[in-house]
C-alpha atoms as a PDB file:
ATOM      1  CA  UNK A   1      28.932   1.405   4.023  1.00  0.00           C
ATOM      2  CA  UNK A   2      30.986   2.544   7.048  1.00  0.00           C
ATOM      3  CA  UNK A   3      29.478   3.738  10.312  1.00  0.00           C
ATOM      4  CA  UNK A   4      29.757   7.464   9.604  1.00  0.00           C
ATOM      5  CA  UNK A   5      28.161   7.176   6.171  1.00  0.00           C
ATOM      6  CA  UNK A   6      25.413   4.936   7.532  1.00  0.00           C
ATOM      7  CA  UNK A   7      24.669   7.442  10.301  1.00  0.00           C
ATOM      8  CA  UNK A   8      24.492  10.275   7.778  1.00  0.00           C
ATOM      9  CA  UNK A   9      22.080   8.314   5.578  1.00  0.00           C
ATOM     10  CA  UNK A  10      19.971   7.469   8.646  1.00  0.00           C
ATOM     11  CA  UNK A  11      19.754  11.146   9.609  1.00  0.00           C
ATOM     12  CA  UNK A  12      18.786  12.169   6.088  1.00  0.00           C
ATOM     13  CA  UNK A  13      16.257   9.352   5.907  1.00  0.00           C
ATOM     14  CA  UNK A  14      14.693  10.459   9.197  1.00  0.00           C
ATOM     15  CA  UNK A  15      14.536  14.013   7.850  1.00  0.00           C
ATOM     16  CA  UNK A  16      12.685  12.840   4.719  1.00  0.00           C
ATOM     17  CA  UNK A  17      10.173  10.804   6.717  1.00  0.00           C
ATOM     18  CA  UNK A  18       9.749  13.562   9.306  1.00  0.00           C
ATOM     19  CA  UNK A  19       9.227  16.225   6.655  1.00  0.00           C
ATOM     20  CA  UNK A  20       6.616  14.054   4.943  1.00  0.00           C
ATOM     21  CA  UNK A  21       4.750  13.506   8.221  1.00  0.00           C
ATOM     22  CA  UNK A  22       4.729  17.231   9.039  1.00  0.00           C
ATOM     23  CA  UNK A  23       3.627  18.196   5.537  1.00  0.00           C
ATOM     24  CA  UNK A  24       0.831  15.650   5.673  1.00  0.00           C
ATOM     25  CA  UNK A  25      -0.414  16.905   9.035  1.00  0.00           C
ATOM     26  CA  UNK A  26      -0.268  20.541   7.947  1.00  0.00           C
ATOM     27  CA  UNK A  27      -2.168  19.845   4.747  1.00  0.00           C
ATOM     28  CA  UNK A  28      -4.814  17.842   6.596  1.00  0.00           C
ATOM     29  CA  UNK A  29      -5.448  20.750   8.972  1.00  0.00           C
ATOM     30  CA  UNK A  30      -5.844  23.081   5.980  1.00  0.00           C
ATOM     31  CA  UNK A  31      -8.009  20.701   3.936  1.00  0.00           C
ATOM     32  CA  UNK A  32     -10.350  19.289   6.578  1.00  0.00           C
ATOM     33  CA  UNK A  33     -12.942  22.118   6.385  1.00  0.00           C
ATOM     34  CA  UNK A  34     -13.212  21.624   2.601  1.00  0.00           C
ATOM     35  CA  UNK A  35     -13.374  17.845   2.914  1.00  0.00           C
ATOM     36  CA  UNK A  36     -16.020  18.162   5.618  1.00  0.00           C
ATOM     37  CA  UNK A  37     -18.109  20.199   3.188  1.00  0.00           C
ATOM     38  CA  UNK A  38     -17.527  18.451  -0.141  1.00  0.00           C
ATOM     39  CA  UNK A  39     -16.301  14.913   0.583  1.00  0.00           C
ATOM     40  CA  UNK A  40     -18.327  13.615   3.500  1.00  0.00           C
ATOM     41  CA  UNK A  41     -18.679   9.824   3.708  1.00  0.00           C
ATOM     42  CA  UNK A  42     -22.114   9.089   5.130  1.00  0.00           C
ATOM     43  CA  UNK A  43     -22.767   5.698   6.769  1.00  0.00           C
ATOM     44  CA  UNK A  44     -24.683   3.093   4.795  1.00  0.00           C
ATOM     45  CA  UNK A  45     -25.403  -0.619   5.069  1.00  0.00           C
ATOM     46  CA  UNK A  46     -21.920  -1.501   3.801  1.00  0.00           C
ATOM     47  CA  UNK A  47     -19.994   1.025   5.925  1.00  0.00           C
ATOM     48  CA  UNK A  48     -17.895   0.263   8.978  1.00  0.00           C
ATOM     49  CA  UNK A  49     -18.348   3.761  10.467  1.00  0.00           C
ATOM     50  CA  UNK A  50     -21.374   5.084  12.331  1.00  0.00           C
ATOM     51  CA  UNK A  51     -21.169   8.865  11.882  1.00  0.00           C
ATOM     52  CA  UNK A  52     -20.562  11.026   8.765  1.00  0.00           C
ATOM     53  CA  UNK A  53     -16.796  11.357   8.350  1.00  0.00           C
ATOM     54  CA  UNK A  54     -14.819  13.417   5.827  1.00  0.00           C
ATOM     55  CA  UNK A  55     -12.779  11.468   3.299  1.00  0.00           C
ATOM     56  CA  UNK A  56     -10.014  12.646   1.008  1.00  0.00           C
ATOM     57  CA  UNK A  57      -7.129  12.591   3.466  1.00  0.00           C
ATOM     58  CA  UNK A  58      -5.212  10.857   0.702  1.00  0.00           C
ATOM     59  CA  UNK A  59      -4.770  14.266  -0.957  1.00  0.00           C
ATOM     60  CA  UNK A  60      -2.506  15.297   1.920  1.00  0.00           C
ATOM     61  CA  UNK A  61      -0.781  11.888   2.032  1.00  0.00           C
ATOM     62  CA  UNK A  62       0.080  11.886  -1.663  1.00  0.00           C
ATOM     63  CA  UNK A  63       1.031  15.576  -1.826  1.00  0.00           C
ATOM     64  CA  UNK A  64       3.370  15.086   1.142  1.00  0.00           C
ATOM     65  CA  UNK A  65       4.796  11.901  -0.392  1.00  0.00           C
ATOM     66  CA  UNK A  66       5.591  13.592  -3.710  1.00  0.00           C
ATOM     67  CA  UNK A  67       7.031  16.727  -2.090  1.00  0.00           C
ATOM     68  CA  UNK A  68       9.167  14.811   0.420  1.00  0.00           C
ATOM     69  CA  UNK A  69      10.325  12.454  -2.325  1.00  0.00           C
ATOM     70  CA  UNK A  70      11.529  15.430  -4.353  1.00  0.00           C
ATOM     71  CA  UNK A  71      13.366  16.746  -1.307  1.00  0.00           C
ATOM     72  CA  UNK A  72      14.851  13.317  -0.677  1.00  0.00           C
ATOM     73  CA  UNK A  73      16.078  12.841  -4.229  1.00  0.00           C
ATOM     74  CA  UNK A  74      18.019  16.103  -3.945  1.00  0.00           C
ATOM     75  CA  UNK A  75      19.236  15.435  -0.389  1.00  0.00           C
ATOM     76  CA  UNK A  76      20.462  11.901  -1.036  1.00  0.00           C
ATOM     77  CA  UNK A  77      21.643  12.609  -4.557  1.00  0.00           C
ATOM     78  CA  UNK A  78      19.375   9.932  -6.038  1.00  0.00           C
ATOM     79  CA  UNK A  79      18.435  10.392  -9.712  1.00  0.00           C
ATOM     80  CA  UNK A  80      14.898  10.909 -10.976  1.00  0.00           C
ATOM     81  CA  UNK A  81      14.794   7.842 -13.193  1.00  0.00           C
ATOM     82  CA  UNK A  82      12.292   7.499 -16.071  1.00  0.00           C
ATOM     83  CA  UNK A  83      10.612   4.731 -14.109  1.00  0.00           C
ATOM     84  CA  UNK A  84      10.117   6.919 -11.042  1.00  0.00           C
ATOM     85  CA  UNK A  85       9.041   9.944 -13.101  1.00  0.00           C
ATOM     86  CA  UNK A  86       6.402   7.807 -14.814  1.00  0.00           C
ATOM     87  CA  UNK A  87       5.283   6.378 -11.468  1.00  0.00           C
ATOM     88  CA  UNK A  88       4.834   9.895 -10.081  1.00  0.00           C
ATOM     89  CA  UNK A  89       2.820  10.964 -13.151  1.00  0.00           C
ATOM     90  CA  UNK A  90       0.673   7.832 -12.857  1.00  0.00           C
ATOM     91  CA  UNK A  91       0.144   8.531  -9.157  1.00  0.00           C
ATOM     92  CA  UNK A  92      -1.227  11.974 -10.015  1.00  0.00           C
ATOM     93  CA  UNK A  93      -3.593  10.454 -12.589  1.00  0.00           C
ATOM     94  CA  UNK A  94      -4.683   7.778 -10.125  1.00  0.00           C
ATOM     95  CA  UNK A  95      -5.253  10.384  -7.429  1.00  0.00           C
ATOM     96  CA  UNK A  96      -7.371  12.373  -9.862  1.00  0.00           C
ATOM     97  CA  UNK A  97      -9.512   9.309 -10.520  1.00  0.00           C
ATOM     98  CA  UNK A  98      -9.830   8.812  -6.776  1.00  0.00           C
ATOM     99  CA  UNK A  99     -10.823  12.371  -5.915  1.00  0.00           C
ATOM    100  CA  UNK A 100     -13.492  12.349  -8.648  1.00  0.00           C
ATOM    101  CA  UNK A 101     -14.837   9.071  -7.280  1.00  0.00           C
ATOM    102  CA  UNK A 102     -14.833  10.399  -3.714  1.00  0.00           C
ATOM    103  CA  UNK A 103     -16.921  13.431  -4.689  1.00  0.00           C
ATOM    104  CA  UNK A 104     -19.275  11.664  -7.113  1.00  0.00           C
ATOM    105  CA  UNK A 105     -18.881   7.910  -7.745  1.00  0.00           C
ATOM    106  CA  UNK A 106     -17.672   7.089 -11.258  1.00  0.00           C
ATOM    107  CA  UNK A 107     -19.034   4.292 -13.423  1.00  0.00           C
ATOM    108  CA  UNK A 108     -17.022   1.070 -13.283  1.00  0.00           C
ATOM    109  CA  UNK A 109     -15.818   1.116 -16.911  1.00  0.00           C
ATOM    110  CA  UNK A 110     -14.179   4.590 -17.048  1.00  0.00           C
ATOM    111  CA  UNK A 111     -12.707   4.160 -13.582  1.00  0.00           C
ATOM    112  CA  UNK A 112     -11.136   0.821 -14.497  1.00  0.00           C
ATOM    113  CA  UNK A 113      -9.907   2.168 -17.849  1.00  0.00           C
ATOM    114  CA  UNK A 114      -8.099   5.090 -16.245  1.00  0.00           C
ATOM    115  CA  UNK A 115      -6.585   2.809 -13.632  1.00  0.00           C
ATOM    116  CA  UNK A 116      -5.426   0.439 -16.381  1.00  0.00           C
ATOM    117  CA  UNK A 117      -3.753   3.272 -18.296  1.00  0.00           C
ATOM    118  CA  UNK A 118      -1.873   4.404 -15.188  1.00  0.00           C
ATOM    119  CA  UNK A 119      -0.716   0.875 -14.343  1.00  0.00           C
ATOM    120  CA  UNK A 120       0.260   0.187 -17.967  1.00  0.00           C
ATOM    121  CA  UNK A 121       2.409   3.333 -18.044  1.00  0.00           C
ATOM    122  CA  UNK A 122       4.257   2.275 -14.877  1.00  0.00           C
ATOM    123  CA  UNK A 123       4.893  -1.232 -16.209  1.00  0.00           C
ATOM    124  CA  UNK A 124       5.993   0.086 -19.619  1.00  0.00           C
ATOM    125  CA  UNK A 125       8.533   2.432 -18.010  1.00  0.00           C
ATOM    126  CA  UNK A 126      10.254  -0.322 -16.023  1.00  0.00           C
ATOM    127  CA  UNK A 127      13.875  -0.899 -17.123  1.00  0.00           C
ATOM    128  CA  UNK A 128      14.176  -3.655 -19.727  1.00  0.00           C
ATOM    129  CA  UNK A 129      16.869  -5.249 -17.573  1.00  0.00           C
ATOM    130  CA  UNK A 130      14.408  -5.707 -14.709  1.00  0.00           C
ATOM    131  CA  UNK A 131      13.120  -9.283 -14.791  1.00  0.00           C
ATOM    132  CA  UNK A 132      10.845 -10.892 -12.253  1.00  0.00           C
ATOM    133  CA  UNK A 133      10.486 -14.232 -14.070  1.00  0.00           C
ATOM    134  CA  UNK A 134      13.411 -14.532 -16.535  1.00  0.00           C
ATOM    135  CA  UNK A 135      12.128 -17.891 -17.797  1.00  0.00           C
ATOM    136  CA  UNK A 136       9.191 -16.095 -19.448  1.00  0.00           C
ATOM    137  CA  UNK A 137       9.340 -13.909 -22.552  1.00  0.00           C
ATOM    138  CA  UNK A 138       9.585 -10.239 -21.566  1.00  0.00           C
ATOM    139  CA  UNK A 139       6.250  -9.390 -23.210  1.00  0.00           C
ATOM    140  CA  UNK A 140       4.421 -12.128 -21.296  1.00  0.00           C
ATOM    141  CA  UNK A 141       6.082 -11.148 -18.025  1.00  0.00           C
ATOM    142  CA  UNK A 142       5.043  -7.512 -18.478  1.00  0.00           C
ATOM    143  CA  UNK A 143       1.484  -8.550 -19.357  1.00  0.00           C
ATOM    144  CA  UNK A 144       1.280 -10.570 -16.140  1.00  0.00           C
ATOM    145  CA  UNK A 145       2.729  -7.648 -14.171  1.00  0.00           C
ATOM    146  CA  UNK A 146       0.064  -5.393 -15.666  1.00  0.00           C
ATOM    147  CA  UNK A 147      -2.763  -7.714 -14.599  1.00  0.00           C
ATOM    148  CA  UNK A 148      -1.207  -8.184 -11.174  1.00  0.00           C
ATOM    149  CA  UNK A 149      -0.612  -4.452 -10.800  1.00  0.00           C
ATOM    150  CA  UNK A 150      -4.195  -3.577 -11.682  1.00  0.00           C
ATOM    151  CA  UNK A 151      -5.464  -6.138  -9.169  1.00  0.00           C
ATOM    152  CA  UNK A 152      -3.051  -4.899  -6.503  1.00  0.00           C
ATOM    153  CA  UNK A 153      -4.169  -1.274  -6.887  1.00  0.00           C
ATOM    154  CA  UNK A 154      -7.786  -2.312  -6.450  1.00  0.00           C
ATOM    155  CA  UNK A 155      -7.204  -4.710  -3.585  1.00  0.00           C
ATOM    156  CA  UNK A 156      -5.432  -1.975  -1.607  1.00  0.00           C
ATOM    157  CA  UNK A 157      -8.521   0.136  -2.240  1.00  0.00           C
ATOM    158  CA  UNK A 158     -10.816  -2.722  -1.156  1.00  0.00           C
ATOM    159  CA  UNK A 159      -8.850  -3.321   2.030  1.00  0.00           C
ATOM    160  CA  UNK A 160      -9.056   0.304   3.146  1.00  0.00           C
ATOM    161  CA  UNK A 161     -12.319  -0.337   4.950  1.00  0.00           C
ATOM    162  CA  UNK A 162     -11.685   0.316   8.651  1.00  0.00           C
ATOM    163  CA  UNK A 163      -9.645   2.803  10.658  1.00  0.00           C
ATOM    164  CA  UNK A 164      -5.867   2.324  10.577  1.00  0.00           C
ATOM    165  CA  UNK A 165      -6.005  -0.693   8.252  1.00  0.00           C
ATOM    166  CA  UNK A 166      -3.963   0.971   5.506  1.00  0.00           C
ATOM    167  CA  UNK A 167      -1.673   2.526   8.118  1.00  0.00           C
ATOM    168  CA  UNK A 168      -0.718  -0.842   9.628  1.00  0.00           C
ATOM    169  CA  UNK A 169      -0.130  -2.244   6.140  1.00  0.00           C
ATOM    170  CA  UNK A 170       1.877   0.563   4.557  1.00  0.00           C
ATOM    171  CA  UNK A 171       4.221   1.418   7.422  1.00  0.00           C
ATOM    172  CA  UNK A 172       5.722  -2.101   7.825  1.00  0.00           C
ATOM    173  CA  UNK A 173       6.069  -2.504   4.040  1.00  0.00           C
ATOM    174  CA  UNK A 174       7.664   0.914   3.610  1.00  0.00           C
ATOM    175  CA  UNK A 175       9.953   0.302   6.576  1.00  0.00           C
ATOM    176  CA  UNK A 176      11.061  -3.041   5.160  1.00  0.00           C
ATOM    177  CA  UNK A 177      11.814  -1.445   1.779  1.00  0.00           C
ATOM    178  CA  UNK A 178      13.986   1.161   3.520  1.00  0.00           C
ATOM    179  CA  UNK A 179      15.902  -1.581   5.362  1.00  0.00           C
ATOM    180  CA  UNK A 180      16.367  -3.567   2.154  1.00  0.00           C
ATOM    181  CA  UNK A 181      17.616  -0.428   0.438  1.00  0.00           C
ATOM    182  CA  UNK A 182      20.153   0.043   3.215  1.00  0.00           C
ATOM    183  CA  UNK A 183      21.377  -3.468   2.490  1.00  0.00           C
ATOM    184  CA  UNK A 184      21.952  -2.503  -1.137  1.00  0.00           C
ATOM    185  CA  UNK A 185      19.025  -4.508  -2.502  1.00  0.00           C
ATOM    186  CA  UNK A 186      17.053  -1.555  -3.916  1.00  0.00           C
ATOM    187  CA  UNK A 187      18.054   1.686  -5.668  1.00  0.00           C
ATOM    188  CA  UNK A 188      18.090   5.026  -3.900  1.00  0.00           C
ATOM    189  CA  UNK A 189      14.935   6.358  -5.549  1.00  0.00           C
ATOM    190  CA  UNK A 190      12.898   3.437  -4.184  1.00  0.00           C
ATOM    191  CA  UNK A 191      14.245   4.100  -0.686  1.00  0.00           C
ATOM    192  CA  UNK A 192      13.332   7.774  -0.947  1.00  0.00           C
ATOM    193  CA  UNK A 193       9.765   6.962  -1.999  1.00  0.00           C
ATOM    194  CA  UNK A 194       9.400   4.426   0.820  1.00  0.00           C
ATOM    195  CA  UNK A 195      10.661   6.963   3.374  1.00  0.00           C
ATOM    196  CA  UNK A 196       8.292   9.650   2.100  1.00  0.00           C
ATOM    197  CA  UNK A 197       5.268   7.363   1.887  1.00  0.00           C
ATOM    198  CA  UNK A 198       5.921   5.843   5.299  1.00  0.00           C
ATOM    199  CA  UNK A 199       6.353   9.285   6.847  1.00  0.00           C
ATOM    200  CA  UNK A 200       3.132  10.578   5.294  1.00  0.00           C
ATOM    201  CA  UNK A 201       1.209   7.583   6.636  1.00  0.00           C
ATOM    202  CA  UNK A 202       2.620   8.195  10.104  1.00  0.00           C
ATOM    203  CA  UNK A 203       1.331  11.762   9.878  1.00  0.00           C
ATOM    204  CA  UNK A 204      -2.063  10.574   8.653  1.00  0.00           C
ATOM    205  CA  UNK A 205      -2.329   7.939  11.392  1.00  0.00           C
ATOM    206  CA  UNK A 206      -3.172  10.528  14.070  1.00  0.00           C
ATOM    207  CA  UNK A 207      -6.328  11.593  12.222  1.00  0.00           C
ATOM    208  CA  UNK A 208      -7.312   8.069  11.191  1.00  0.00           C
ATOM    209  CA  UNK A 209      -6.954   6.464  14.632  1.00  0.00           C
ATOM    210  CA  UNK A 210     -10.098   4.705  15.890  1.00  0.00           C
ATOM    211  CA  UNK A 211     -12.623   6.257  15.805  1.00  0.00           C
ATOM    212  CA  UNK A 212     -11.344   8.056  12.715  1.00  0.00           C
ATOM    213  CA  UNK A 213     -11.845  11.763  12.147  1.00  0.00           C
ATOM    214  CA  UNK A 214     -10.683  11.418   8.538  1.00  0.00           C
ATOM    215  CA  UNK A 215     -10.548   8.711   5.875  1.00  0.00           C
ATOM    216  CA  UNK A 216      -8.052   8.308   3.048  1.00  0.00           C
ATOM    217  CA  UNK A 217     -10.676   7.980   0.368  1.00  0.00           C
ATOM    218  CA  UNK A 218      -9.975   6.576  -3.086  1.00  0.00           C
ATOM    219  CA  UNK A 219      -7.708   9.565  -3.710  1.00  0.00           C
ATOM    220  CA  UNK A 220      -5.333   7.968  -1.201  1.00  0.00           C
ATOM    221  CA  UNK A 221      -5.847   4.220  -1.421  1.00  0.00           C
ATOM    222  CA  UNK A 222      -5.562   3.970  -5.232  1.00  0.00           C
ATOM    223  CA  UNK A 223      -2.224   5.830  -5.649  1.00  0.00           C
ATOM    224  CA  UNK A 224      -0.863   4.190  -2.497  1.00  0.00           C
ATOM    225  CA  UNK A 225      -1.587   0.817  -4.097  1.00  0.00           C
ATOM    226  CA  UNK A 226       0.222   1.956  -7.242  1.00  0.00           C
ATOM    227  CA  UNK A 227       3.310   3.123  -5.358  1.00  0.00           C
ATOM    228  CA  UNK A 228       3.441   0.016  -3.188  1.00  0.00           C
ATOM    229  CA  UNK A 229       3.075  -2.145  -6.288  1.00  0.00           C
ATOM    230  CA  UNK A 230       5.934  -0.276  -7.994  1.00  0.00           C
ATOM    231  CA  UNK A 231       8.180  -0.800  -4.965  1.00  0.00           C
ATOM    232  CA  UNK A 232       7.324  -4.506  -4.772  1.00  0.00           C
ATOM    233  CA  UNK A 233       8.017  -5.023  -8.489  1.00  0.00           C
ATOM    234  CA  UNK A 234      11.435  -3.406  -8.036  1.00  0.00           C
ATOM    235  CA  UNK A 235      12.077  -5.726  -5.095  1.00  0.00           C
ATOM    236  CA  UNK A 236      11.017  -8.800  -7.073  1.00  0.00           C
ATOM    237  CA  UNK A 237      13.100  -7.629 -10.032  1.00  0.00           C
ATOM    238  CA  UNK A 238      16.138  -7.393  -7.780  1.00  0.00           C
ATOM    239  CA  UNK A 239      15.924 -11.163  -7.273  1.00  0.00           C
ATOM    240  CA  UNK A 240      13.754 -11.172  -4.148  1.00  0.00           C
ATOM    241  CA  UNK A 241      10.392 -12.438  -5.344  1.00  0.00           C
ATOM    242  CA  UNK A 242       9.744 -14.234  -2.047  1.00  0.00           C
ATOM    243  CA  UNK A 243      10.183 -10.996  -0.101  1.00  0.00           C
ATOM    244  CA  UNK A 244       7.930  -9.133  -2.530  1.00  0.00           C
ATOM    245  CA  UNK A 245       5.181 -11.721  -1.954  1.00  0.00           C
ATOM    246  CA  UNK A 246       5.616 -11.899   1.806  1.00  0.00           C
ATOM    247  CA  UNK A 247       5.333  -8.176   2.561  1.00  0.00           C
ATOM    248  CA  UNK A 248       1.724  -7.736   1.300  1.00  0.00           C
ATOM    249  CA  UNK A 249       0.672 -11.340   1.959  1.00  0.00           C
ATOM    250  CA  UNK A 250      -2.191 -10.547   4.343  1.00  0.00           C
ATOM    251  CA  UNK A 251      -3.710  -8.047   1.904  1.00  0.00           C
ATOM    252  CA  UNK A 252      -3.261 -10.478  -0.995  1.00  0.00           C
ATOM    253  CA  UNK A 253      -4.882 -13.328   0.908  1.00  0.00           C
ATOM    254  CA  UNK A 254      -7.853 -11.451   2.372  1.00  0.00           C
ATOM    255  CA  UNK A 255      -8.750  -9.642  -0.868  1.00  0.00           C
ATOM    256  CA  UNK A 256      -8.161 -12.575  -3.234  1.00  0.00           C
ATOM    257  CA  UNK A 257      -9.985 -15.170  -1.142  1.00  0.00           C
ATOM    258  CA  UNK A 258     -12.885 -12.768  -0.697  1.00  0.00           C
ATOM    259  CA  UNK A 259     -13.032 -12.183  -4.454  1.00  0.00           C
ATOM    260  CA  UNK A 260     -13.011 -15.914  -5.192  1.00  0.00           C
ATOM    261  CA  UNK A 261     -15.710 -16.529  -2.592  1.00  0.00           C
ATOM    262  CA  UNK A 262     -17.930 -13.837  -4.120  1.00  0.00           C
ATOM    263  CA  UNK A 263     -17.342 -15.164  -7.645  1.00  0.00           C
ATOM    264  CA  UNK A 264     -18.367 -18.655  -6.538  1.00  0.00           C
ATOM    265  CA  UNK A 265     -21.636 -17.210  -5.246  1.00  0.00           C
ATOM    266  CA  UNK A 266     -22.335 -15.359  -8.486  1.00  0.00           C
ATOM    267  CA  UNK A 267     -22.175 -11.946  -6.800  1.00  0.00           C
ATOM    268  CA  UNK A 268     -21.418  -8.727  -8.659  1.00  0.00           C
ATOM    269  CA  UNK A 269     -17.803  -8.289  -7.618  1.00  0.00           C
ATOM    270  CA  UNK A 270     -17.627  -4.614  -8.615  1.00  0.00           C
ATOM    271  CA  UNK A 271     -20.273  -3.636  -6.071  1.00  0.00           C
ATOM    272  CA  UNK A 272     -19.406  -2.498  -2.544  1.00  0.00           C
ATOM    273  CA  UNK A 273     -19.768  -5.117   0.169  1.00  0.00           C
ATOM    274  CA  UNK A 274     -18.832  -6.042   3.736  1.00  0.00           C
ATOM    275  CA  UNK A 275     -17.483  -9.563   3.339  1.00  0.00           C
ATOM    276  CA  UNK A 276     -13.726  -9.157   3.718  1.00  0.00           C
ATOM    277  CA  UNK A 277     -12.358 -11.107   6.656  1.00  0.00           C
ATOM    278  CA  UNK A 278     -11.587  -7.949   8.628  1.00  0.00           C
ATOM    279  CA  UNK A 279     -15.108  -6.607   7.977  1.00  0.00           C
ATOM    280  CA  UNK A 280     -16.750  -9.850   9.013  1.00  0.00           C
ATOM    281  CA  UNK A 281     -14.664  -9.757  12.203  1.00  0.00           C
ATOM    282  CA  UNK A 282     -16.317  -6.489  13.251  1.00  0.00           C
ATOM    283  CA  UNK A 283     -19.690  -8.224  12.901  1.00  0.00           C
ATOM    284  CA  UNK A 284     -18.415 -11.002  15.182  1.00  0.00           C
ATOM    285  CA  UNK A 285     -17.594  -8.690  18.049  1.00  0.00           C
ATOM    286  CA  UNK A 286     -13.986  -7.695  17.362  1.00  0.00           C
ATOM    287  CA  UNK A 287     -13.126  -4.049  17.928  1.00  0.00           C
ATOM    288  CA  UNK A 288     -11.286  -2.145  15.222  1.00  0.00           C
ATOM    289  CA  UNK A 289      -8.243  -1.856  17.482  1.00  0.00           C
ATOM    290  CA  UNK A 290      -8.173  -5.621  18.017  1.00  0.00           C
ATOM    291  CA  UNK A 291      -8.319  -6.287  14.279  1.00  0.00           C
ATOM    292  CA  UNK A 292      -5.686  -3.798  13.166  1.00  0.00           C
ATOM    293  CA  UNK A 293      -3.485  -4.753  16.113  1.00  0.00           C
ATOM    294  CA  UNK A 294      -3.425  -8.365  14.952  1.00  0.00           C
ATOM    295  CA  UNK A 295      -2.822  -7.344  11.355  1.00  0.00           C
ATOM    296  CA  UNK A 296       0.054  -5.065  12.389  1.00  0.00           C
ATOM    297  CA  UNK A 297       1.775  -7.828  14.366  1.00  0.00           C
ATOM    298  CA  UNK A 298       1.383 -10.262  11.470  1.00  0.00           C
ATOM    299  CA  UNK A 299       2.778  -7.678   9.056  1.00  0.00           C
ATOM    300  CA  UNK A 300       5.828  -7.164  11.281  1.00  0.00           C
ATOM    301  CA  UNK A 301       6.468 -10.915  11.290  1.00  0.00           C
ATOM    302  CA  UNK A 302       5.998 -11.042   7.507  1.00  0.00           C
ATOM    303  CA  UNK A 303       8.548  -8.236   7.177  1.00  0.00           C
ATOM    304  CA  UNK A 304      10.981 -10.221   9.348  1.00  0.00           C
ATOM    305  CA  UNK A 305      10.473 -13.312   7.169  1.00  0.00           C
ATOM    306  CA  UNK A 306      11.030 -11.181   4.061  1.00  0.00           C
ATOM    307  CA  UNK A 307      14.257  -9.867   5.587  1.00  0.00           C
ATOM    308  CA  UNK A 308      15.426 -13.435   6.162  1.00  0.00           C
ATOM    309  CA  UNK A 309      14.969 -14.221   2.467  1.00  0.00           C
ATOM    310  CA  UNK A 310      16.978 -11.137   1.535  1.00  0.00           C
ATOM    311  CA  UNK A 311      19.818 -11.886   3.946  1.00  0.00           C
ATOM    312  CA  UNK A 312      20.043 -15.592   3.101  1.00  0.00           C
ATOM    313  CA  UNK A 313      19.908 -16.261  -0.628  1.00  0.00           C
ATOM    314  CA  UNK A 314      18.529 -19.772  -0.669  1.00  0.00           C
ATOM    315  CA  UNK A 315      15.521 -21.340  -2.360  1.00  0.00           C
ATOM    316  CA  UNK A 316      15.027 -23.466   0.736  1.00  0.00           C
ATOM    317  CA  UNK A 317      14.875 -20.359   2.932  1.00  0.00           C
ATOM    318  CA  UNK A 318      12.494 -18.703   0.459  1.00  0.00           C
ATOM    319  CA  UNK A 319      10.182 -21.723   0.494  1.00  0.00           C
ATOM    320  CA  UNK A 320      10.291 -22.018   4.280  1.00  0.00           C
ATOM    321  CA  UNK A 321       9.605 -18.310   4.759  1.00  0.00           C
ATOM    322  CA  UNK A 322       6.687 -18.392   2.327  1.00  0.00           C
ATOM    323  CA  UNK A 323       5.249 -21.459   4.045  1.00  0.00           C
ATOM    324  CA  UNK A 324       5.561 -19.815   7.467  1.00  0.00           C
ATOM    325  CA  UNK A 325       4.039 -16.604   6.156  1.00  0.00           C
ATOM    326  CA  UNK A 326       1.129 -18.430   4.547  1.00  0.00           C
ATOM    327  CA  UNK A 327       0.487 -20.382   7.743  1.00  0.00           C
ATOM    328  CA  UNK A 328       0.607 -17.205   9.836  1.00  0.00           C
ATOM    329  CA  UNK A 329      -1.817 -15.382   7.547  1.00  0.00           C
ATOM    330  CA  UNK A 330      -4.071 -18.446   7.503  1.00  0.00           C
ATOM    331  CA  UNK A 331      -4.214 -18.450  11.294  1.00  0.00           C
ATOM    332  CA  UNK A 332      -5.017 -14.729  11.287  1.00  0.00           C
ATOM    333  CA  UNK A 333      -7.826 -15.133   8.758  1.00  0.00           C
ATOM    334  CA  UNK A 334      -9.250 -18.077  10.673  1.00  0.00           C
ATOM    335  CA  UNK A 335      -9.147 -16.135  13.944  1.00  0.00           C
ATOM    336  CA  UNK A 336     -11.105 -13.306  12.331  1.00  0.00           C
ATOM    337  CA  UNK A 337     -13.907 -15.716  11.419  1.00  0.00           C
ATOM    338  CA  UNK A 338     -14.395 -16.826  15.030  1.00  0.00           C
ATOM    339  CA  UNK A 339     -16.974 -15.090  17.181  1.00  0.00           C
ATOM    340  CA  UNK A 340     -15.507 -12.812  19.829  1.00  0.00           C
ATOM    341  CA  UNK A 341     -16.704 -13.693  23.321  1.00  0.00           C
END
């Protein structure tokens, strides 16, 4: 890609992200009175907020993401592939599940069933040529992707527990996907989605800054998890499994270790709680800004390590980057368990 073409793509990419941010902000302004009335999150023993706060900002985030993605596909001439079309349909279903849960909590079984159907559709629509683990039979690989995808959707939901947490996770991941797409690693439709999602989260960030005036709600965190998972599967299927693991590594570690710890104690893992590392840190004297600031810095370093694995195709580099990323996340988790003086 020569300089002129690269500059043109950069301008169009900025337009997609900027449009998504503006759409998100405009929709939030229009929706906030309704959300204040019908989707108010009141503090309880498991909450991290102190005053009633409207939730459902994810409606604006996802609407802006879908609209800006459509604009981007036309602007950049990227095709609407069956995989992307299915992902968009699944996002709408997942958002519907989320908005129903935000207004009146759903029972675990129907909520999980609907999530499973959405994830299964996305996995089924992946191109047959896309392989994450070629040594496995395709059917087994897809089954593992389904289980992993369902867990990823829920862990993104679980991790959306304090102001800006999802913002500082999504923006570095989306930005990295855009960079990888510019290097020719990912198809144009994935780049468009990453630009739109990243832009929408930038727009949402103003309203979610500590202390938040608006929460995403399940209507945002669930479909965001689905879209991020789709992007990461495409990245892994392009031969960059290490990068796909590194980008969400903090989320994977915090949520998975917390789940295992709760299972070992015989707790009901489907019930709300306040035992994630970032939640326990608030009980130890950390401010929300201190927590999300640390997470953001770690995510930027993880994105840099992921970039190294994309630029240098070497198993040794992959292993070293994963080891460094794991050590970095381990240090972060440990620091969040220490009492703040």
